[in-house]
Structure formats: C-alpha cells, structure tokens
C-alpha cells in the first residue's frame, strides 16, 4: 500500500471513529433530550446533527466538479431546532455520513492534489479532507459534551473514565505489545 492510499484509509478510519463516537453519545440520552438546549445561544444535539448533515451533503456531493458550498444549501436553517423525532435525526445523521464516506471511497490516490473549491477557495483534496477532519470532530465533541451533561447520572464514559487512567494503562501494558492499525502494519512490512 502506498503512502497516498494509507492517507485515504487513515482519514476514513478517523471519520468512522467520530461517527461511532457521536452515535455512542446520542444513544445515551433519551429522545426528548436530543432537542434540549442549555440556553438561547446553544444548540441542541439535534441541531448539531442537522448542521453536520447539511455541511456533509454540501461539501461531499459532486465534490470533484462543484463548489463545496452548494447553492441549494441553507446553512442558517441548519441551526433552527426543527427536527421532530429521533428517527428523523438518525436519518439525517446516516445520510450525511454516507455521503461523506462514499465520496472518500471514490477518491483515487492520483486525485489527492487535485483542486476542489469550498466557498470559491481552492483546496487540494488533502486539504479539503483535513478541513473536515477538524470540523466534524469539533461538533461531535459538542454532541458528546451535551449528552454527558444531559445524562449525568448514568453516563458511561466514551474514553478513559475520570480517575481511571491508572487502571486503563495497567490493562493496556499488561498485554503483549501490538500493532494498533494498518498504517503501523504497513510500515513494519516495509522494514
């Protein structure tokens, strides 16, 4: 596997990690909590999902041939809290992530330096991917934080639990050293 293919696989793996993290947070709150806000200036989990959905569809639909800020996108309406059910929220969540992941799967290694446009600014495909790898985790973090605040009594940590670092590290270091992912495996194969 060449470096360019490793990059694409790594990017996809990171996107999938944040998709899974967001889903784990969403699954820890009651349906009605998905629509709660903490104040007038904050967004509900549903609104954040709606914004991610709108951004993903705009950025990744026909991304090689059209600007990532589509004329049909209404970004301001993404921040209106008008999703009515958890099913509708999950449908938008899945639609957005499917659009993104299908676009990533369509990229060939010889296209990584190709220029695509977002709001009329040229980006290499690498830059466009990296831009979204910074944007989407930012919002998934908001979802996780909101879910944790809403479900404070029965929250199950999605990472190393508070005051659990020592036990977590003891568990990790009690096992045989292992290669975590395919990138390390590929690098070790080439040695």
C-alpha atoms as a PDB file:
ATOM      1  CA  UNK A   1       0.000   0.000   0.000  1.00  0.00           C
ATOM      2  CA  UNK A   2       1.439   3.376  -0.946  1.00  0.00           C
ATOM      3  CA  UNK A   3       1.514   6.444   1.283  1.00  0.00           C
ATOM      4  CA  UNK A   4      -1.377   8.110  -0.531  1.00  0.00           C
ATOM      5  CA  UNK A   5      -3.635   5.089  -0.064  1.00  0.00           C
ATOM      6  CA  UNK A   6      -2.584   4.898   3.580  1.00  0.00           C
ATOM      7  CA  UNK A   7      -3.628   8.533   3.983  1.00  0.00           C
ATOM      8  CA  UNK A   8      -7.085   7.880   2.495  1.00  0.00           C
ATOM      9  CA  UNK A   9      -7.591   4.791   4.671  1.00  0.00           C
ATOM     10  CA  UNK A  10      -6.433   6.690   7.756  1.00  0.00           C
ATOM     11  CA  UNK A  11      -8.766   9.617   7.026  1.00  0.00           C
ATOM     12  CA  UNK A  12     -11.700   7.255   6.540  1.00  0.00           C
ATOM     13  CA  UNK A  13     -10.850   5.461   9.769  1.00  0.00           C
ATOM     14  CA  UNK A  14     -10.816   8.783  11.645  1.00  0.00           C
ATOM     15  CA  UNK A  15     -14.168   9.830  10.171  1.00  0.00           C
ATOM     16  CA  UNK A  16     -15.654   6.455  11.160  1.00  0.00           C
ATOM     17  CA  UNK A  17     -14.265   6.819  14.686  1.00  0.00           C
ATOM     18  CA  UNK A  18     -16.018  10.160  15.153  1.00  0.00           C
ATOM     19  CA  UNK A  19     -19.228   8.852  13.599  1.00  0.00           C
ATOM     20  CA  UNK A  20     -19.197   5.978  16.104  1.00  0.00           C
ATOM     21  CA  UNK A  21     -18.355   8.323  18.993  1.00  0.00           C
ATOM     22  CA  UNK A  22     -21.285  10.585  18.131  1.00  0.00           C
ATOM     23  CA  UNK A  23     -23.639   7.630  17.884  1.00  0.00           C
ATOM     24  CA  UNK A  24     -22.493   6.313  21.262  1.00  0.00           C
ATOM     25  CA  UNK A  25     -23.265   9.697  22.819  1.00  0.00           C
ATOM     26  CA  UNK A  26     -26.636  10.028  21.085  1.00  0.00           C
ATOM     27  CA  UNK A  27     -27.592   6.559  22.328  1.00  0.00           C
ATOM     28  CA  UNK A  28     -27.013   7.588  25.951  1.00  0.00           C
ATOM     29  CA  UNK A  29     -29.729  10.236  26.037  1.00  0.00           C
ATOM     30  CA  UNK A  30     -33.499   9.996  25.941  1.00  0.00           C
ATOM     31  CA  UNK A  31     -35.213  11.011  22.731  1.00  0.00           C
ATOM     32  CA  UNK A  32     -36.572  14.229  24.190  1.00  0.00           C
ATOM     33  CA  UNK A  33     -33.112  15.240  25.463  1.00  0.00           C
ATOM     34  CA  UNK A  34     -31.855  15.352  21.866  1.00  0.00           C
ATOM     35  CA  UNK A  35     -33.863  18.556  21.421  1.00  0.00           C
ATOM     36  CA  UNK A  36     -32.910  20.353  24.650  1.00  0.00           C
ATOM     37  CA  UNK A  37     -30.737  23.458  24.707  1.00  0.00           C
ATOM     38  CA  UNK A  38     -28.867  24.858  27.685  1.00  0.00           C
ATOM     39  CA  UNK A  39     -29.616  28.488  26.814  1.00  0.00           C
ATOM     40  CA  UNK A  40     -30.807  30.657  23.932  1.00  0.00           C
ATOM     41  CA  UNK A  41     -27.363  30.705  22.309  1.00  0.00           C
ATOM     42  CA  UNK A  42     -26.690  26.973  22.464  1.00  0.00           C
ATOM     43  CA  UNK A  43     -27.642  24.249  20.026  1.00  0.00           C
ATOM     44  CA  UNK A  44     -29.402  21.020  20.815  1.00  0.00           C
ATOM     45  CA  UNK A  45     -27.847  17.722  19.797  1.00  0.00           C
ATOM     46  CA  UNK A  46     -30.466  17.537  17.038  1.00  0.00           C
ATOM     47  CA  UNK A  47     -29.440  20.943  15.715  1.00  0.00           C
ATOM     48  CA  UNK A  48     -25.767  19.983  15.690  1.00  0.00           C
ATOM     49  CA  UNK A  49     -26.659  16.818  13.786  1.00  0.00           C
ATOM     50  CA  UNK A  50     -28.687  18.881  11.314  1.00  0.00           C
ATOM     51  CA  UNK A  51     -25.719  21.214  10.767  1.00  0.00           C
ATOM     52  CA  UNK A  52     -23.332  18.290  10.227  1.00  0.00           C
ATOM     53  CA  UNK A  53     -25.818  16.770   7.779  1.00  0.00           C
ATOM     54  CA  UNK A  54     -26.112  19.995   5.804  1.00  0.00           C
ATOM     55  CA  UNK A  55     -22.362  20.522   5.742  1.00  0.00           C
ATOM     56  CA  UNK A  56     -21.617  16.945   4.688  1.00  0.00           C
ATOM     57  CA  UNK A  57     -24.149  16.956   1.876  1.00  0.00           C
ATOM     58  CA  UNK A  58     -22.909  20.314   0.638  1.00  0.00           C
ATOM     59  CA  UNK A  59     -19.196  19.541   0.869  1.00  0.00           C
ATOM     60  CA  UNK A  60     -19.227  15.986  -0.496  1.00  0.00           C
ATOM     61  CA  UNK A  61     -21.983  15.864  -3.119  1.00  0.00           C
ATOM     62  CA  UNK A  62     -20.260  16.095  -6.515  1.00  0.00           C
ATOM     63  CA  UNK A  63     -17.241  17.497  -4.690  1.00  0.00           C
ATOM     64  CA  UNK A  64     -14.895  16.995  -7.638  1.00  0.00           C
ATOM     65  CA  UNK A  65     -16.981  19.085 -10.020  1.00  0.00           C
ATOM     66  CA  UNK A  66     -18.894  21.631  -7.937  1.00  0.00           C
ATOM     67  CA  UNK A  67     -18.115  24.043  -5.126  1.00  0.00           C
ATOM     68  CA  UNK A  68     -18.462  22.549  -1.644  1.00  0.00           C
ATOM     69  CA  UNK A  69     -20.824  25.346  -0.674  1.00  0.00           C
ATOM     70  CA  UNK A  70     -23.801  24.360  -2.792  1.00  0.00           C
ATOM     71  CA  UNK A  71     -26.329  26.932  -3.941  1.00  0.00           C
ATOM     72  CA  UNK A  72     -29.113  24.741  -2.520  1.00  0.00           C
ATOM     73  CA  UNK A  73     -27.610  24.704   0.981  1.00  0.00           C
ATOM     74  CA  UNK A  74     -29.372  26.906   3.532  1.00  0.00           C
ATOM     75  CA  UNK A  75     -26.780  26.934   6.314  1.00  0.00           C
ATOM     76  CA  UNK A  76     -28.743  29.336   8.536  1.00  0.00           C
ATOM     77  CA  UNK A  77     -31.724  26.981   8.601  1.00  0.00           C
ATOM     78  CA  UNK A  78     -29.441  24.197   9.858  1.00  0.00           C
ATOM     79  CA  UNK A  79     -29.453  25.999  13.211  1.00  0.00           C
ATOM     80  CA  UNK A  80     -33.234  26.012  13.519  1.00  0.00           C
ATOM     81  CA  UNK A  81     -34.281  23.347  16.008  1.00  0.00           C
ATOM     82  CA  UNK A  82     -36.970  21.769  13.817  1.00  0.00           C
ATOM     83  CA  UNK A  83     -36.109  18.074  13.715  1.00  0.00           C
ATOM     84  CA  UNK A  84     -39.064  16.414  15.408  1.00  0.00           C
ATOM     85  CA  UNK A  85     -38.097  12.803  16.115  1.00  0.00           C
ATOM     86  CA  UNK A  86     -35.065  10.715  16.913  1.00  0.00           C
ATOM     87  CA  UNK A  87     -35.746   8.694  13.757  1.00  0.00           C
ATOM     88  CA  UNK A  88     -35.577  11.864  11.640  1.00  0.00           C
ATOM     89  CA  UNK A  89     -32.366  12.879  13.408  1.00  0.00           C
ATOM     90  CA  UNK A  90     -30.757   9.464  12.801  1.00  0.00           C
ATOM     91  CA  UNK A  91     -31.840   9.510   9.159  1.00  0.00           C
ATOM     92  CA  UNK A  92     -30.062  12.845   8.630  1.00  0.00           C
ATOM     93  CA  UNK A  93     -27.034  11.592  10.580  1.00  0.00           C
ATOM     94  CA  UNK A  94     -26.751   8.494   8.389  1.00  0.00           C
ATOM     95  CA  UNK A  95     -27.406  10.393   5.159  1.00  0.00           C
ATOM     96  CA  UNK A  96     -24.634  12.884   5.885  1.00  0.00           C
ATOM     97  CA  UNK A  97     -22.062  10.289   6.892  1.00  0.00           C
ATOM     98  CA  UNK A  98     -22.975   8.060   3.923  1.00  0.00           C
ATOM     99  CA  UNK A  99     -22.430  10.967   1.532  1.00  0.00           C
ATOM    100  CA  UNK A 100     -19.036  11.721   3.097  1.00  0.00           C
ATOM    101  CA  UNK A 101     -17.825   8.111   3.223  1.00  0.00           C
ATOM    102  CA  UNK A 102     -18.947   7.390  -0.340  1.00  0.00           C
ATOM    103  CA  UNK A 103     -17.045  10.455  -1.510  1.00  0.00           C
ATOM    104  CA  UNK A 104     -13.901   9.364   0.349  1.00  0.00           C
ATOM    105  CA  UNK A 105     -14.229   5.894  -1.187  1.00  0.00           C
ATOM    106  CA  UNK A 106     -14.445   7.443  -4.665  1.00  0.00           C
ATOM    107  CA  UNK A 107     -11.129   9.289  -4.373  1.00  0.00           C
ATOM    108  CA  UNK A 108      -8.160   7.765  -6.142  1.00  0.00           C
ATOM    109  CA  UNK A 109      -4.618   8.375  -4.958  1.00  0.00           C
ATOM    110  CA  UNK A 110      -3.738  10.342  -8.091  1.00  0.00           C
ATOM    111  CA  UNK A 111      -6.506  12.859  -7.224  1.00  0.00           C
ATOM    112  CA  UNK A 112      -5.196  13.907  -3.802  1.00  0.00           C
ATOM    113  CA  UNK A 113      -3.510  17.036  -5.140  1.00  0.00           C
ATOM    114  CA  UNK A 114      -6.441  17.936  -7.400  1.00  0.00           C
ATOM    115  CA  UNK A 115      -8.011  21.297  -6.560  1.00  0.00           C
ATOM    116  CA  UNK A 116     -11.584  21.412  -5.303  1.00  0.00           C
ATOM    117  CA  UNK A 117     -13.395  24.548  -4.197  1.00  0.00           C
ATOM    118  CA  UNK A 118     -15.127  25.437  -0.952  1.00  0.00           C
ATOM    119  CA  UNK A 119     -16.757  28.861  -0.991  1.00  0.00           C
ATOM    120  CA  UNK A 120     -14.748  29.662  -4.115  1.00  0.00           C
ATOM    121  CA  UNK A 121     -11.400  28.960  -2.391  1.00  0.00           C
ATOM    122  CA  UNK A 122      -9.204  26.278  -3.906  1.00  0.00           C
ATOM    123  CA  UNK A 123      -8.090  23.369  -1.729  1.00  0.00           C
ATOM    124  CA  UNK A 124      -6.256  20.217  -2.623  1.00  0.00           C
ATOM    125  CA  UNK A 125      -8.373  17.192  -1.850  1.00  0.00           C
ATOM    126  CA  UNK A 126      -5.971  16.504   1.032  1.00  0.00           C
ATOM    127  CA  UNK A 127      -6.680  19.979   2.420  1.00  0.00           C
ATOM    128  CA  UNK A 128     -10.436  19.549   1.945  1.00  0.00           C
ATOM    129  CA  UNK A 129     -10.352  16.243   3.830  1.00  0.00           C
ATOM    130  CA  UNK A 130      -8.208  17.723   6.607  1.00  0.00           C
ATOM    131  CA  UNK A 131     -10.529  20.708   6.874  1.00  0.00           C
ATOM    132  CA  UNK A 132     -13.460  18.386   7.553  1.00  0.00           C
ATOM    133  CA  UNK A 133     -11.375  16.180   9.866  1.00  0.00           C
ATOM    134  CA  UNK A 134     -11.052  19.272  12.041  1.00  0.00           C
ATOM    135  CA  UNK A 135     -14.648  20.464  11.636  1.00  0.00           C
ATOM    136  CA  UNK A 136     -16.631  17.277  12.243  1.00  0.00           C
ATOM    137  CA  UNK A 137     -14.814  16.162  15.427  1.00  0.00           C
ATOM    138  CA  UNK A 138     -15.375  19.668  16.819  1.00  0.00           C
ATOM    139  CA  UNK A 139     -19.120  19.178  16.512  1.00  0.00           C
ATOM    140  CA  UNK A 140     -19.045  15.540  17.618  1.00  0.00           C
ATOM    141  CA  UNK A 141     -17.273  16.804  20.746  1.00  0.00           C
ATOM    142  CA  UNK A 142     -20.176  19.199  21.298  1.00  0.00           C
ATOM    143  CA  UNK A 143     -22.607  16.295  20.952  1.00  0.00           C
ATOM    144  CA  UNK A 144     -20.635  14.208  23.453  1.00  0.00           C
ATOM    145  CA  UNK A 145     -20.406  17.077  25.929  1.00  0.00           C
ATOM    146  CA  UNK A 146     -24.108  17.903  25.657  1.00  0.00           C
ATOM    147  CA  UNK A 147     -25.072  14.238  26.034  1.00  0.00           C
ATOM    148  CA  UNK A 148     -22.836  13.904  29.080  1.00  0.00           C
ATOM    149  CA  UNK A 149     -24.394  16.992  30.685  1.00  0.00           C
ATOM    150  CA  UNK A 150     -27.912  15.757  29.915  1.00  0.00           C
ATOM    151  CA  UNK A 151     -27.300  12.225  31.173  1.00  0.00           C
ATOM    152  CA  UNK A 152     -25.086  12.983  34.144  1.00  0.00           C
ATOM    153  CA  UNK A 153     -26.448  10.273  36.430  1.00  0.00           C
ATOM    154  CA  UNK A 154     -25.885   7.250  34.200  1.00  0.00           C
ATOM    155  CA  UNK A 155     -23.224   8.405  31.742  1.00  0.00           C
ATOM    156  CA  UNK A 156     -20.904   5.682  30.500  1.00  0.00           C
ATOM    157  CA  UNK A 157     -17.539   7.141  29.548  1.00  0.00           C
ATOM    158  CA  UNK A 158     -16.647   7.006  25.867  1.00  0.00           C
ATOM    159  CA  UNK A 159     -12.931   7.228  26.616  1.00  0.00           C
ATOM    160  CA  UNK A 160     -10.751   6.667  29.671  1.00  0.00           C
ATOM    161  CA  UNK A 161     -13.103   7.244  32.623  1.00  0.00           C
ATOM    162  CA  UNK A 162     -12.346  10.033  35.100  1.00  0.00           C
ATOM    163  CA  UNK A 163      -9.879   8.756  37.702  1.00  0.00           C
ATOM    164  CA  UNK A 164      -9.465   5.623  35.593  1.00  0.00           C
ATOM    165  CA  UNK A 165      -6.147   6.355  33.869  1.00  0.00           C
ATOM    166  CA  UNK A 166      -4.060   4.127  36.108  1.00  0.00           C
ATOM    167  CA  UNK A 167      -6.337   1.107  35.660  1.00  0.00           C
ATOM    168  CA  UNK A 168      -6.662   1.766  31.919  1.00  0.00           C
ATOM    169  CA  UNK A 169      -2.883   1.963  31.478  1.00  0.00           C
ATOM    170  CA  UNK A 170      -2.330  -1.114  33.657  1.00  0.00           C
ATOM    171  CA  UNK A 171      -4.727  -3.047  31.425  1.00  0.00           C
ATOM    172  CA  UNK A 172      -3.018  -1.806  28.270  1.00  0.00           C
ATOM    173  CA  UNK A 173       0.502  -2.525  29.486  1.00  0.00           C
ATOM    174  CA  UNK A 174      -0.420  -5.968  30.832  1.00  0.00           C
ATOM    175  CA  UNK A 175      -0.950  -7.150  27.263  1.00  0.00           C
ATOM    176  CA  UNK A 176       1.623  -8.032  24.660  1.00  0.00           C
ATOM    177  CA  UNK A 177       2.711  -5.106  22.547  1.00  0.00           C
ATOM    178  CA  UNK A 178       0.572  -4.975  19.401  1.00  0.00           C
ATOM    179  CA  UNK A 179       0.253  -3.015  16.206  1.00  0.00           C
ATOM    180  CA  UNK A 180      -2.803  -0.785  16.580  1.00  0.00           C
ATOM    181  CA  UNK A 181      -3.676  -0.170  12.961  1.00  0.00           C
ATOM    182  CA  UNK A 182      -2.947  -0.950   9.369  1.00  0.00           C
ATOM    183  CA  UNK A 183      -0.623   2.038   8.939  1.00  0.00           C
ATOM    184  CA  UNK A 184       1.795   0.670  11.511  1.00  0.00           C
ATOM    185  CA  UNK A 185       1.406  -2.788   9.972  1.00  0.00           C
ATOM    186  CA  UNK A 186       2.255  -1.452   6.520  1.00  0.00           C
ATOM    187  CA  UNK A 187       5.262   0.459   7.837  1.00  0.00           C
ATOM    188  CA  UNK A 188       6.550  -2.631   9.633  1.00  0.00           C
ATOM    189  CA  UNK A 189       6.132  -4.724   6.479  1.00  0.00           C
ATOM    190  CA  UNK A 190       8.361  -2.348   4.552  1.00  0.00           C
ATOM    191  CA  UNK A 191      11.246  -2.620   7.076  1.00  0.00           C
END
